[in-house]
């Protein structure tokens, strides 16, 4: 089994401070390629209010982008080292208090094409570029994935899915639950079968 996860977006306003080369690629971290460098993301993100403990673990900032804690990065790296791209940023909370641990913009490293659309509940939509994507039914969902394509993967996005959708392996989601952060995600079970 795998998990389709969403992270609730908390209400805050952010101010981004860019280095001398930014912001050339803002808003496209929801793609695995091209790989970005530290110059492609803000060097500092300041929030106008405090955030929950969940958001201090993984913070959804919209547009399919996450800022993740060092704890989240360490979990992912323990399972698939070097696959994903973690781009350091300084996170500053309300009243100018800097975060006590390092934070990173997450650029996932794998775009898979593993969902069997003919066996999954979905709604087809048109993307801005004219291609097709699908939205998964979050209430009565049934998602079937080809295990031969997901085997060994722990964090990924699907090529035809919504840009916001992240997928996690059962092993990675289990480690997140062990740390007590299961409630930070809105998870949906996906069946993995060999097709």
N, C-alpha and C. Protein backbone atom coordinates (compact mmCIF):
# COMPACT_ATOMS: atom_id res chain seq x y z
N UNK A 1 0.84 -1.17 0.00
CA UNK A 1 0.00 0.00 0.00
C UNK A 1 0.88 1.24 0.00
N UNK A 2 0.35 2.32 -0.57
CA UNK A 2 1.00 3.62 -0.57
C UNK A 2 -0.02 4.63 -0.07
N UNK A 3 0.40 5.85 0.09
CA UNK A 3 -0.47 6.90 0.63
C UNK A 3 -0.42 8.14 -0.24
N UNK A 4 -1.57 8.64 -0.61
CA UNK A 4 -1.71 9.96 -1.21
C UNK A 4 -1.92 10.92 -0.04
N UNK A 5 -1.09 11.93 0.07
CA UNK A 5 -1.19 12.83 1.23
C UNK A 5 -1.35 14.28 0.81
N UNK A 6 -2.09 14.97 1.63
CA UNK A 6 -2.24 16.41 1.48
C UNK A 6 -1.89 17.02 2.83
N UNK A 7 -1.35 18.19 2.82
CA UNK A 7 -1.02 18.91 4.05
C UNK A 7 -1.91 20.15 4.07
N UNK A 8 -2.72 20.30 5.11
CA UNK A 8 -3.57 21.50 5.18
C UNK A 8 -2.72 22.76 5.16
N UNK A 9 -3.14 23.73 4.38
CA UNK A 9 -2.44 25.01 4.31
C UNK A 9 -2.94 25.89 5.44
N UNK A 10 -2.04 26.35 6.27
CA UNK A 10 -2.42 27.23 7.38
C UNK A 10 -2.49 28.67 6.89
N UNK A 11 -3.29 29.45 7.57
CA UNK A 11 -3.46 30.85 7.20
C UNK A 11 -2.29 31.68 7.73
N UNK A 12 -1.49 32.18 6.85
CA UNK A 12 -0.41 33.08 7.23
C UNK A 12 -0.01 33.87 5.99
N UNK A 13 0.67 34.94 6.22
CA UNK A 13 1.25 35.71 5.12
C UNK A 13 2.76 35.50 5.23
N UNK A 14 3.40 35.32 4.11
CA UNK A 14 4.85 35.13 4.15
C UNK A 14 5.55 36.20 3.33
N UNK A 15 6.72 36.51 3.76
CA UNK A 15 7.58 37.43 3.03
C UNK A 15 8.81 36.64 2.63
N UNK A 16 9.16 36.70 1.36
CA UNK A 16 10.30 35.93 0.87
C UNK A 16 11.45 36.87 0.54
N UNK A 17 12.62 36.47 0.98
CA UNK A 17 13.82 37.23 0.67
C UNK A 17 14.68 36.37 -0.24
N UNK A 18 14.98 36.91 -1.41
CA UNK A 18 15.73 36.16 -2.41
C UNK A 18 17.18 36.59 -2.43
N UNK A 19 18.03 35.69 -2.86
CA UNK A 19 19.44 36.02 -3.06
C UNK A 19 19.60 36.85 -4.33
N UNK A 20 20.82 37.15 -4.70
CA UNK A 20 21.07 38.04 -5.85
C UNK A 20 20.60 37.47 -7.19
N UNK A 21 20.43 36.16 -7.30
CA UNK A 21 20.02 35.56 -8.58
C UNK A 21 18.53 35.28 -8.67
N UNK A 22 17.75 35.50 -7.61
CA UNK A 22 16.33 35.11 -7.62
C UNK A 22 15.43 36.26 -8.00
N UNK A 23 14.15 35.99 -8.23
CA UNK A 23 13.48 34.69 -8.23
C UNK A 23 13.20 34.17 -9.64
N UNK A 24 14.11 33.46 -10.27
CA UNK A 24 13.88 33.05 -11.66
C UNK A 24 12.87 31.92 -11.85
N UNK A 25 12.73 31.02 -10.87
CA UNK A 25 11.91 29.83 -11.09
C UNK A 25 10.83 29.66 -10.04
N UNK A 26 10.42 30.70 -9.41
CA UNK A 26 9.43 30.62 -8.34
C UNK A 26 8.17 29.91 -8.84
N UNK A 27 7.67 29.00 -8.00
CA UNK A 27 6.39 28.38 -8.28
C UNK A 27 6.44 27.11 -9.11
N UNK A 28 7.63 26.59 -9.43
CA UNK A 28 7.66 25.37 -10.23
C UNK A 28 8.40 24.24 -9.52
N UNK A 29 8.46 24.29 -8.21
CA UNK A 29 9.08 23.20 -7.45
C UNK A 29 8.24 21.94 -7.49
N UNK A 30 7.04 22.00 -8.08
CA UNK A 30 6.21 20.81 -8.13
C UNK A 30 6.61 19.87 -9.28
N UNK A 31 7.76 20.12 -9.90
CA UNK A 31 8.31 19.24 -10.93
C UNK A 31 9.65 18.67 -10.45
N UNK A 32 9.94 17.43 -10.84
CA UNK A 32 11.20 16.80 -10.45
C UNK A 32 12.39 17.31 -11.27
N UNK A 33 12.12 17.75 -12.46
CA UNK A 33 13.18 18.24 -13.34
C UNK A 33 12.77 19.59 -13.90
N UNK A 34 13.69 20.50 -14.10
CA UNK A 34 15.11 20.36 -13.81
C UNK A 34 15.39 20.48 -12.32
N UNK A 35 16.53 19.92 -11.91
CA UNK A 35 16.94 20.03 -10.51
C UNK A 35 17.32 21.48 -10.25
N UNK A 36 16.83 22.01 -9.14
CA UNK A 36 17.10 23.39 -8.78
C UNK A 36 18.33 23.49 -7.90
N UNK A 37 18.81 24.70 -7.77
CA UNK A 37 19.92 25.00 -6.88
C UNK A 37 19.42 25.96 -5.80
N UNK A 38 20.25 26.25 -4.83
CA UNK A 38 19.85 27.15 -3.74
C UNK A 38 19.49 28.53 -4.26
N UNK A 39 19.98 28.92 -5.43
CA UNK A 39 19.66 30.22 -6.00
C UNK A 39 18.24 30.29 -6.57
N UNK A 40 17.58 29.14 -6.66
CA UNK A 40 16.24 29.09 -7.24
C UNK A 40 15.12 29.18 -6.22
N UNK A 41 15.46 29.28 -4.95
CA UNK A 41 14.45 29.39 -3.89
C UNK A 41 14.84 30.54 -2.97
N UNK A 42 13.87 31.08 -2.22
CA UNK A 42 14.20 32.17 -1.30
C UNK A 42 15.20 31.73 -0.24
N UNK A 43 16.10 32.62 0.12
CA UNK A 43 17.08 32.32 1.17
C UNK A 43 16.45 32.43 2.55
N UNK A 44 15.34 33.20 2.64
CA UNK A 44 14.65 33.38 3.92
C UNK A 44 13.16 33.52 3.66
N UNK A 45 12.37 32.86 4.51
CA UNK A 45 10.92 32.99 4.47
C UNK A 45 10.47 33.40 5.87
N UNK A 46 9.80 34.55 5.95
CA UNK A 46 9.33 35.06 7.24
C UNK A 46 7.81 34.96 7.26
N UNK A 47 7.27 34.36 8.31
CA UNK A 47 5.83 34.20 8.47
C UNK A 47 5.30 35.28 9.40
N UNK A 48 4.08 35.72 9.15
CA UNK A 48 3.53 36.81 9.96
C UNK A 48 2.88 36.34 11.25
N UNK A 49 2.81 35.05 11.47
CA UNK A 49 2.23 34.52 12.70
C UNK A 49 2.85 33.17 13.03
N UNK A 50 2.60 32.71 14.22
CA UNK A 50 3.11 31.41 14.63
C UNK A 50 2.34 30.32 13.90
N UNK A 51 2.93 29.16 13.78
CA UNK A 51 2.29 28.05 13.09
C UNK A 51 2.22 26.84 14.02
N UNK A 52 1.42 25.87 13.64
CA UNK A 52 1.21 24.68 14.46
C UNK A 52 2.46 23.79 14.49
N UNK A 53 2.48 22.85 15.43
CA UNK A 53 3.57 21.88 15.48
C UNK A 53 3.64 21.08 14.19
N UNK A 54 2.47 20.78 13.60
CA UNK A 54 2.46 20.05 12.33
C UNK A 54 3.15 20.85 11.24
N UNK A 55 2.83 22.13 11.14
CA UNK A 55 3.45 22.97 10.11
C UNK A 55 4.93 23.15 10.37
N UNK A 56 5.36 23.02 11.62
CA UNK A 56 6.79 23.07 11.91
C UNK A 56 7.50 21.79 11.44
N UNK A 57 6.73 20.75 11.18
CA UNK A 57 7.28 19.50 10.64
C UNK A 57 7.30 19.56 9.11
N UNK A 58 6.16 19.90 8.52
CA UNK A 58 6.06 20.07 7.07
C UNK A 58 5.04 21.16 6.81
N UNK A 59 5.45 22.18 6.07
CA UNK A 59 4.65 23.38 5.85
C UNK A 59 4.28 23.47 4.38
N UNK A 60 2.98 23.39 4.08
CA UNK A 60 2.51 23.57 2.71
C UNK A 60 2.36 25.06 2.46
N UNK A 61 2.99 25.55 1.42
CA UNK A 61 2.92 26.99 1.15
C UNK A 61 2.15 27.29 -0.12
N UNK A 62 1.44 26.29 -0.66
CA UNK A 62 0.65 26.50 -1.87
C UNK A 62 1.43 26.16 -3.12
N UNK A 63 0.70 25.95 -4.20
CA UNK A 63 1.35 25.65 -5.47
C UNK A 63 2.06 24.31 -5.50
N UNK A 64 1.68 23.39 -4.62
CA UNK A 64 2.34 22.09 -4.58
C UNK A 64 3.73 22.14 -4.00
N UNK A 65 4.02 23.17 -3.20
CA UNK A 65 5.35 23.32 -2.61
C UNK A 65 5.29 23.10 -1.11
N UNK A 66 6.31 22.44 -0.60
CA UNK A 66 6.46 22.22 0.84
C UNK A 66 7.79 22.78 1.31
N UNK A 67 7.77 23.36 2.52
CA UNK A 67 9.00 23.63 3.27
C UNK A 67 9.02 22.60 4.37
N UNK A 68 10.11 21.84 4.46
CA UNK A 68 10.16 20.72 5.41
C UNK A 68 11.26 20.93 6.44
N UNK A 69 11.01 20.36 7.60
CA UNK A 69 11.97 20.43 8.70
C UNK A 69 13.13 19.48 8.45
N UNK A 70 14.18 19.65 9.21
CA UNK A 70 15.31 18.73 9.15
C UNK A 70 14.86 17.32 9.53
N UNK A 71 13.91 17.22 10.46
CA UNK A 71 13.39 15.90 10.87
C UNK A 71 12.75 15.18 9.69
N UNK A 72 11.93 15.91 8.91
CA UNK A 72 11.30 15.31 7.73
C UNK A 72 12.36 14.90 6.71
N UNK A 73 13.29 15.79 6.46
CA UNK A 73 14.37 15.49 5.50
C UNK A 73 15.12 14.23 5.93
N UNK A 74 15.47 14.13 7.22
CA UNK A 74 16.23 12.97 7.70
C UNK A 74 15.46 11.67 7.50
N UNK A 75 14.14 11.70 7.71
CA UNK A 75 13.32 10.50 7.48
C UNK A 75 13.40 10.06 6.03
N UNK A 76 13.19 11.00 5.13
CA UNK A 76 13.20 10.68 3.70
C UNK A 76 14.58 10.20 3.28
N UNK A 77 15.61 10.91 3.70
CA UNK A 77 16.98 10.55 3.31
C UNK A 77 17.39 9.19 3.87
N UNK A 78 16.82 8.78 5.00
CA UNK A 78 17.17 7.47 5.56
C UNK A 78 16.65 6.34 4.68
N UNK A 79 15.61 6.61 3.90
CA UNK A 79 15.01 5.58 3.04
C UNK A 79 15.49 5.66 1.59
N UNK A 80 15.68 6.87 1.08
CA UNK A 80 16.13 7.02 -0.30
C UNK A 80 17.11 8.20 -0.39
N UNK A 81 18.33 7.96 0.06
CA UNK A 81 19.32 9.04 0.09
C UNK A 81 19.64 9.59 -1.30
N UNK A 82 19.67 10.92 -1.40
CA UNK A 82 20.08 11.57 -2.63
C UNK A 82 19.04 11.62 -3.74
N UNK A 83 17.88 11.05 -3.53
CA UNK A 83 16.86 11.02 -4.60
C UNK A 83 16.15 12.37 -4.71
N UNK A 84 15.79 12.94 -3.56
CA UNK A 84 15.05 14.20 -3.56
C UNK A 84 16.00 15.36 -3.34
N UNK A 85 15.53 16.54 -3.67
CA UNK A 85 16.35 17.75 -3.61
C UNK A 85 15.84 18.61 -2.46
N UNK A 86 16.67 18.83 -1.47
CA UNK A 86 16.32 19.66 -0.32
C UNK A 86 17.16 20.93 -0.39
N UNK A 87 16.49 22.07 -0.54
CA UNK A 87 17.15 23.35 -0.75
C UNK A 87 16.99 24.22 0.49
N UNK A 88 18.09 24.49 1.15
CA UNK A 88 18.07 25.18 2.45
C UNK A 88 17.45 26.56 2.35
N UNK A 89 16.64 26.88 3.36
CA UNK A 89 16.09 28.22 3.53
C UNK A 89 16.03 28.51 5.02
N UNK A 90 16.12 29.77 5.38
CA UNK A 90 15.95 30.15 6.78
C UNK A 90 14.47 30.45 6.98
N UNK A 91 13.87 29.79 7.94
CA UNK A 91 12.47 30.02 8.27
C UNK A 91 12.41 30.88 9.53
N UNK A 92 11.68 31.98 9.44
CA UNK A 92 11.56 32.91 10.56
C UNK A 92 10.09 32.98 10.95
N UNK A 93 9.82 32.75 12.23
CA UNK A 93 8.44 32.77 12.72
C UNK A 93 8.05 34.17 13.14
N UNK A 94 6.81 34.32 13.56
CA UNK A 94 6.31 35.64 13.95
C UNK A 94 7.20 36.27 15.01
N UNK A 95 7.24 37.57 15.00
CA UNK A 95 8.04 38.36 15.94
C UNK A 95 9.54 38.15 15.75
N UNK A 96 9.94 37.69 14.56
CA UNK A 96 11.35 37.60 14.23
C UNK A 96 12.12 36.45 14.85
N UNK A 97 11.42 35.47 15.43
CA UNK A 97 12.12 34.34 16.06
C UNK A 97 12.53 33.32 14.99
N UNK A 98 13.82 33.13 14.77
CA UNK A 98 14.24 32.15 13.76
C UNK A 98 13.96 30.73 14.25
N UNK A 99 13.71 29.85 13.30
CA UNK A 99 13.47 28.44 13.62
C UNK A 99 14.70 27.85 14.29
N UNK A 100 14.45 26.89 15.17
CA UNK A 100 15.55 26.26 15.93
C UNK A 100 16.24 25.15 15.15
N UNK A 101 15.64 24.71 14.06
CA UNK A 101 16.26 23.66 13.25
C UNK A 101 16.31 24.12 11.80
N UNK A 102 17.15 23.52 10.98
CA UNK A 102 17.20 23.88 9.56
C UNK A 102 15.90 23.51 8.84
N UNK A 103 15.58 24.30 7.82
CA UNK A 103 14.42 24.03 6.97
C UNK A 103 14.86 24.02 5.52
N UNK A 104 14.04 23.36 4.69
CA UNK A 104 14.39 23.16 3.30
C UNK A 104 13.14 23.22 2.42
N UNK A 105 13.27 23.84 1.26
CA UNK A 105 12.26 23.66 0.23
C UNK A 105 12.47 22.25 -0.30
N UNK A 106 11.37 21.53 -0.50
CA UNK A 106 11.45 20.16 -1.02
C UNK A 106 11.13 20.15 -2.51
N UNK A 107 12.06 19.62 -3.28
CA UNK A 107 11.80 19.30 -4.68
C UNK A 107 11.89 17.78 -4.78
N UNK A 108 10.74 17.15 -4.99
CA UNK A 108 10.73 15.68 -5.08
C UNK A 108 11.59 15.25 -6.26
N UNK A 109 12.11 14.04 -6.19
CA UNK A 109 13.03 13.59 -7.22
C UNK A 109 12.46 12.61 -8.22
N UNK A 110 11.18 12.23 -8.06
CA UNK A 110 10.62 11.21 -8.94
C UNK A 110 9.21 11.57 -9.37
N UNK A 111 9.00 11.61 -10.69
CA UNK A 111 7.67 11.73 -11.26
C UNK A 111 7.33 10.37 -11.85
N UNK A 112 6.39 9.67 -11.25
CA UNK A 112 6.02 8.34 -11.71
C UNK A 112 4.75 8.37 -12.54
N UNK A 113 4.53 7.31 -13.28
CA UNK A 113 3.30 7.11 -14.04
C UNK A 113 2.78 5.73 -13.65
N UNK A 114 2.33 5.61 -12.39
CA UNK A 114 2.01 4.29 -11.84
C UNK A 114 0.54 4.05 -11.57
N UNK A 115 -0.30 5.07 -11.68
CA UNK A 115 -1.71 4.89 -11.35
C UNK A 115 -2.46 4.28 -12.53
N UNK A 116 -3.19 3.21 -12.24
CA UNK A 116 -4.04 2.57 -13.25
C UNK A 116 -5.36 3.34 -13.28
N UNK A 117 -5.47 4.26 -14.22
CA UNK A 117 -6.65 5.12 -14.27
C UNK A 117 -7.93 4.33 -14.48
N UNK A 118 -7.84 3.22 -15.22
CA UNK A 118 -9.05 2.42 -15.47
C UNK A 118 -9.54 1.70 -14.22
N UNK A 119 -8.73 1.67 -13.17
CA UNK A 119 -9.12 1.02 -11.91
C UNK A 119 -9.17 1.99 -10.74
N UNK A 120 -9.11 3.29 -11.02
CA UNK A 120 -9.06 4.30 -9.97
C UNK A 120 -10.16 5.34 -10.19
N UNK A 121 -10.75 5.81 -9.08
CA UNK A 121 -11.75 6.87 -9.15
C UNK A 121 -11.03 8.19 -9.40
N UNK A 122 -11.43 8.89 -10.45
CA UNK A 122 -10.79 10.16 -10.77
C UNK A 122 -11.68 11.00 -11.68
N UNK A 123 -11.33 12.24 -11.77
CA UNK A 123 -12.00 13.17 -12.67
C UNK A 123 -10.91 13.77 -13.55
N UNK A 124 -11.10 13.69 -14.85
CA UNK A 124 -10.11 14.23 -15.77
C UNK A 124 -10.28 15.74 -15.89
N UNK A 125 -9.15 16.46 -15.90
CA UNK A 125 -9.17 17.92 -16.03
C UNK A 125 -8.15 18.34 -17.08
N UNK A 126 -8.31 19.53 -17.61
CA UNK A 126 -7.35 20.11 -18.55
C UNK A 126 -6.35 20.95 -17.80
N UNK A 127 -5.08 20.76 -18.11
CA UNK A 127 -4.03 21.59 -17.53
C UNK A 127 -3.89 22.85 -18.37
N UNK A 128 -3.17 23.82 -17.82
CA UNK A 128 -2.96 25.10 -18.51
C UNK A 128 -2.26 24.93 -19.85
N UNK A 129 -1.46 23.86 -19.99
CA UNK A 129 -0.71 23.65 -21.24
C UNK A 129 -1.46 22.77 -22.23
N UNK A 130 -2.73 22.44 -21.92
CA UNK A 130 -3.55 21.62 -22.82
C UNK A 130 -3.48 20.13 -22.55
N UNK A 131 -2.55 19.69 -21.72
CA UNK A 131 -2.47 18.26 -21.40
C UNK A 131 -3.56 17.89 -20.40
N UNK A 132 -3.75 16.61 -20.20
CA UNK A 132 -4.76 16.10 -19.27
C UNK A 132 -4.12 15.74 -17.94
N UNK A 133 -4.86 15.95 -16.88
CA UNK A 133 -4.46 15.52 -15.55
C UNK A 133 -5.69 14.92 -14.90
N UNK A 134 -5.53 14.37 -13.71
CA UNK A 134 -6.71 13.85 -13.04
C UNK A 134 -6.72 14.28 -11.58
N UNK A 135 -7.92 14.44 -11.07
CA UNK A 135 -8.13 14.71 -9.66
C UNK A 135 -8.69 13.44 -9.06
N UNK A 136 -8.11 13.01 -7.96
CA UNK A 136 -8.59 11.80 -7.30
C UNK A 136 -9.77 12.14 -6.40
N UNK A 137 -10.71 11.22 -6.31
CA UNK A 137 -11.90 11.41 -5.50
C UNK A 137 -11.52 11.25 -4.03
N UNK A 138 -11.56 12.33 -3.26
CA UNK A 138 -11.10 12.30 -1.88
C UNK A 138 -12.13 11.75 -0.90
N UNK A 139 -13.39 11.59 -1.31
CA UNK A 139 -14.40 11.09 -0.38
C UNK A 139 -14.54 9.57 -0.48
N UNK A 140 -14.88 9.07 -1.61
CA UNK A 140 -14.99 7.63 -1.84
C UNK A 140 -13.95 7.25 -2.86
N UNK A 141 -12.74 7.20 -2.43
CA UNK A 141 -11.68 7.00 -3.40
C UNK A 141 -11.30 5.53 -3.53
N UNK A 142 -10.81 5.24 -4.68
CA UNK A 142 -10.19 3.95 -4.94
C UNK A 142 -9.05 4.24 -5.91
N UNK A 143 -7.83 4.06 -5.43
CA UNK A 143 -6.66 4.32 -6.26
C UNK A 143 -5.84 3.04 -6.31
N UNK A 144 -5.55 2.60 -7.53
CA UNK A 144 -4.74 1.40 -7.73
C UNK A 144 -3.46 1.82 -8.45
N UNK A 145 -2.33 1.40 -7.88
CA UNK A 145 -1.03 1.74 -8.44
C UNK A 145 -0.28 0.48 -8.83
N UNK A 146 0.53 0.61 -9.87
CA UNK A 146 1.35 -0.51 -10.35
C UNK A 146 2.59 -0.62 -9.45
N UNK A 147 2.61 -1.69 -8.66
CA UNK A 147 3.69 -1.87 -7.68
C UNK A 147 5.06 -2.04 -8.35
N UNK A 148 5.08 -2.51 -9.59
CA UNK A 148 6.37 -2.64 -10.27
C UNK A 148 6.98 -1.26 -10.56
N UNK A 149 6.15 -0.21 -10.59
CA UNK A 149 6.65 1.14 -10.83
C UNK A 149 6.92 1.90 -9.53
N UNK A 150 6.25 1.54 -8.44
CA UNK A 150 6.44 2.24 -7.17
C UNK A 150 7.46 1.55 -6.26
N UNK A 151 7.82 0.32 -6.60
CA UNK A 151 8.74 -0.45 -5.75
C UNK A 151 10.04 0.33 -5.52
N UNK A 152 10.40 0.46 -4.26
CA UNK A 152 11.63 1.15 -3.89
C UNK A 152 11.50 2.67 -3.80
N UNK A 153 10.34 3.21 -4.15
CA UNK A 153 10.11 4.65 -4.07
C UNK A 153 9.46 4.98 -2.74
N UNK A 154 9.83 6.11 -2.16
CA UNK A 154 9.27 6.48 -0.86
C UNK A 154 8.57 7.83 -0.87
N UNK A 155 8.94 8.73 -1.76
CA UNK A 155 8.27 10.01 -1.90
C UNK A 155 8.28 10.36 -3.37
N UNK A 156 7.11 10.65 -3.93
CA UNK A 156 7.04 10.96 -5.35
C UNK A 156 5.76 11.71 -5.67
N UNK A 157 5.71 12.19 -6.91
CA UNK A 157 4.48 12.73 -7.49
C UNK A 157 4.18 11.91 -8.73
N UNK A 158 2.92 11.96 -9.14
CA UNK A 158 2.49 11.25 -10.33
C UNK A 158 2.42 12.22 -11.51
N UNK A 159 2.88 11.80 -12.67
CA UNK A 159 2.93 12.66 -13.85
C UNK A 159 1.57 13.21 -14.24
N UNK A 160 0.52 12.42 -14.08
CA UNK A 160 -0.80 12.85 -14.54
C UNK A 160 -1.68 13.39 -13.42
N UNK A 161 -1.17 13.40 -12.20
CA UNK A 161 -1.99 13.82 -11.06
C UNK A 161 -1.93 15.34 -10.89
N UNK A 162 -2.75 15.82 -9.99
CA UNK A 162 -2.74 17.23 -9.63
C UNK A 162 -1.35 17.60 -9.10
N UNK A 163 -0.91 18.80 -9.38
CA UNK A 163 0.42 19.25 -8.95
C UNK A 163 0.57 19.26 -7.43
N UNK A 164 -0.54 19.27 -6.69
CA UNK A 164 -0.47 19.30 -5.22
C UNK A 164 -0.25 17.93 -4.61
N UNK A 165 -0.55 16.86 -5.33
CA UNK A 165 -0.57 15.52 -4.76
C UNK A 165 0.83 14.95 -4.56
N UNK A 166 1.14 14.62 -3.31
CA UNK A 166 2.36 13.88 -2.98
C UNK A 166 1.97 12.46 -2.62
N UNK A 167 2.83 11.51 -2.92
CA UNK A 167 2.62 10.11 -2.57
C UNK A 167 3.77 9.65 -1.70
N UNK A 168 3.43 8.87 -0.66
CA UNK A 168 4.42 8.35 0.26
C UNK A 168 4.30 6.84 0.33
N UNK A 169 5.42 6.18 0.49
CA UNK A 169 5.40 4.73 0.70
C UNK A 169 4.81 4.44 2.08
N UNK A 170 4.34 3.21 2.24
CA UNK A 170 3.82 2.79 3.54
C UNK A 170 4.92 2.86 4.61
N UNK A 171 6.13 2.54 4.21
CA UNK A 171 7.26 2.58 5.15
C UNK A 171 7.53 4.00 5.64
N UNK A 172 7.56 4.97 4.71
CA UNK A 172 7.80 6.36 5.11
C UNK A 172 6.65 6.87 5.96
N UNK A 173 5.41 6.58 5.56
CA UNK A 173 4.28 7.06 6.35
C UNK A 173 4.28 6.43 7.74
N UNK A 174 4.70 5.17 7.84
CA UNK A 174 4.81 4.51 9.14
C UNK A 174 5.80 5.21 10.05
N UNK A 175 6.94 5.65 9.49
CA UNK A 175 7.94 6.37 10.28
C UNK A 175 7.40 7.73 10.73
N UNK A 176 6.62 8.37 9.88
CA UNK A 176 5.99 9.64 10.25
C UNK A 176 5.03 9.42 11.41
N UNK A 177 4.25 8.33 11.36
CA UNK A 177 3.32 8.02 12.45
C UNK A 177 4.07 7.74 13.74
N UNK A 178 5.19 7.03 13.65
CA UNK A 178 5.99 6.73 14.85
C UNK A 178 6.46 8.00 15.55
N UNK A 179 6.74 9.04 14.78
CA UNK A 179 7.18 10.31 15.35
C UNK A 179 6.01 11.14 15.90
N UNK A 180 4.78 10.68 15.65
CA UNK A 180 3.60 11.39 16.16
C UNK A 180 3.07 12.46 15.23
N UNK A 181 3.42 12.41 13.94
CA UNK A 181 2.98 13.44 13.00
C UNK A 181 1.94 12.94 12.00
N UNK A 182 1.29 11.83 12.27
CA UNK A 182 0.28 11.29 11.36
C UNK A 182 -0.85 12.29 11.12
N UNK A 183 -1.26 13.01 12.17
CA UNK A 183 -2.37 13.95 12.06
C UNK A 183 -2.01 15.22 11.30
N UNK A 184 -0.77 15.36 10.92
CA UNK A 184 -0.35 16.52 10.13
C UNK A 184 -0.72 16.35 8.65
N UNK A 185 -1.15 15.17 8.28
CA UNK A 185 -1.47 14.86 6.89
C UNK A 185 -2.92 14.43 6.76
N UNK A 186 -3.48 14.68 5.60
CA UNK A 186 -4.77 14.10 5.23
C UNK A 186 -4.43 12.94 4.28
N UNK A 187 -4.33 11.72 4.82
CA UNK A 187 -3.86 10.60 4.00
C UNK A 187 -5.00 9.77 3.40
N UNK A 188 -4.75 9.25 2.22
CA UNK A 188 -5.66 8.32 1.57
C UNK A 188 -4.86 7.08 1.17
N UNK A 189 -5.39 5.92 1.47
CA UNK A 189 -4.70 4.66 1.12
C UNK A 189 -4.82 4.42 -0.38
N UNK A 190 -3.73 3.99 -0.97
CA UNK A 190 -3.69 3.57 -2.37
C UNK A 190 -3.27 2.11 -2.41
N UNK A 191 -3.99 1.31 -3.16
CA UNK A 191 -3.63 -0.10 -3.32
C UNK A 191 -2.48 -0.21 -4.32
N UNK A 192 -1.49 -1.03 -3.98
CA UNK A 192 -0.39 -1.31 -4.89
C UNK A 192 -0.47 -2.77 -5.30
N UNK A 193 -0.56 -3.00 -6.60
CA UNK A 193 -0.63 -4.36 -7.13
C UNK A 193 0.30 -4.45 -8.34
N UNK A 194 0.74 -5.65 -8.64
CA UNK A 194 1.54 -5.84 -9.86
C UNK A 194 0.58 -5.95 -11.03
N UNK A 195 0.68 -5.04 -11.98
CA UNK A 195 -0.21 -5.03 -13.15
C UNK A 195 0.47 -5.67 -14.35
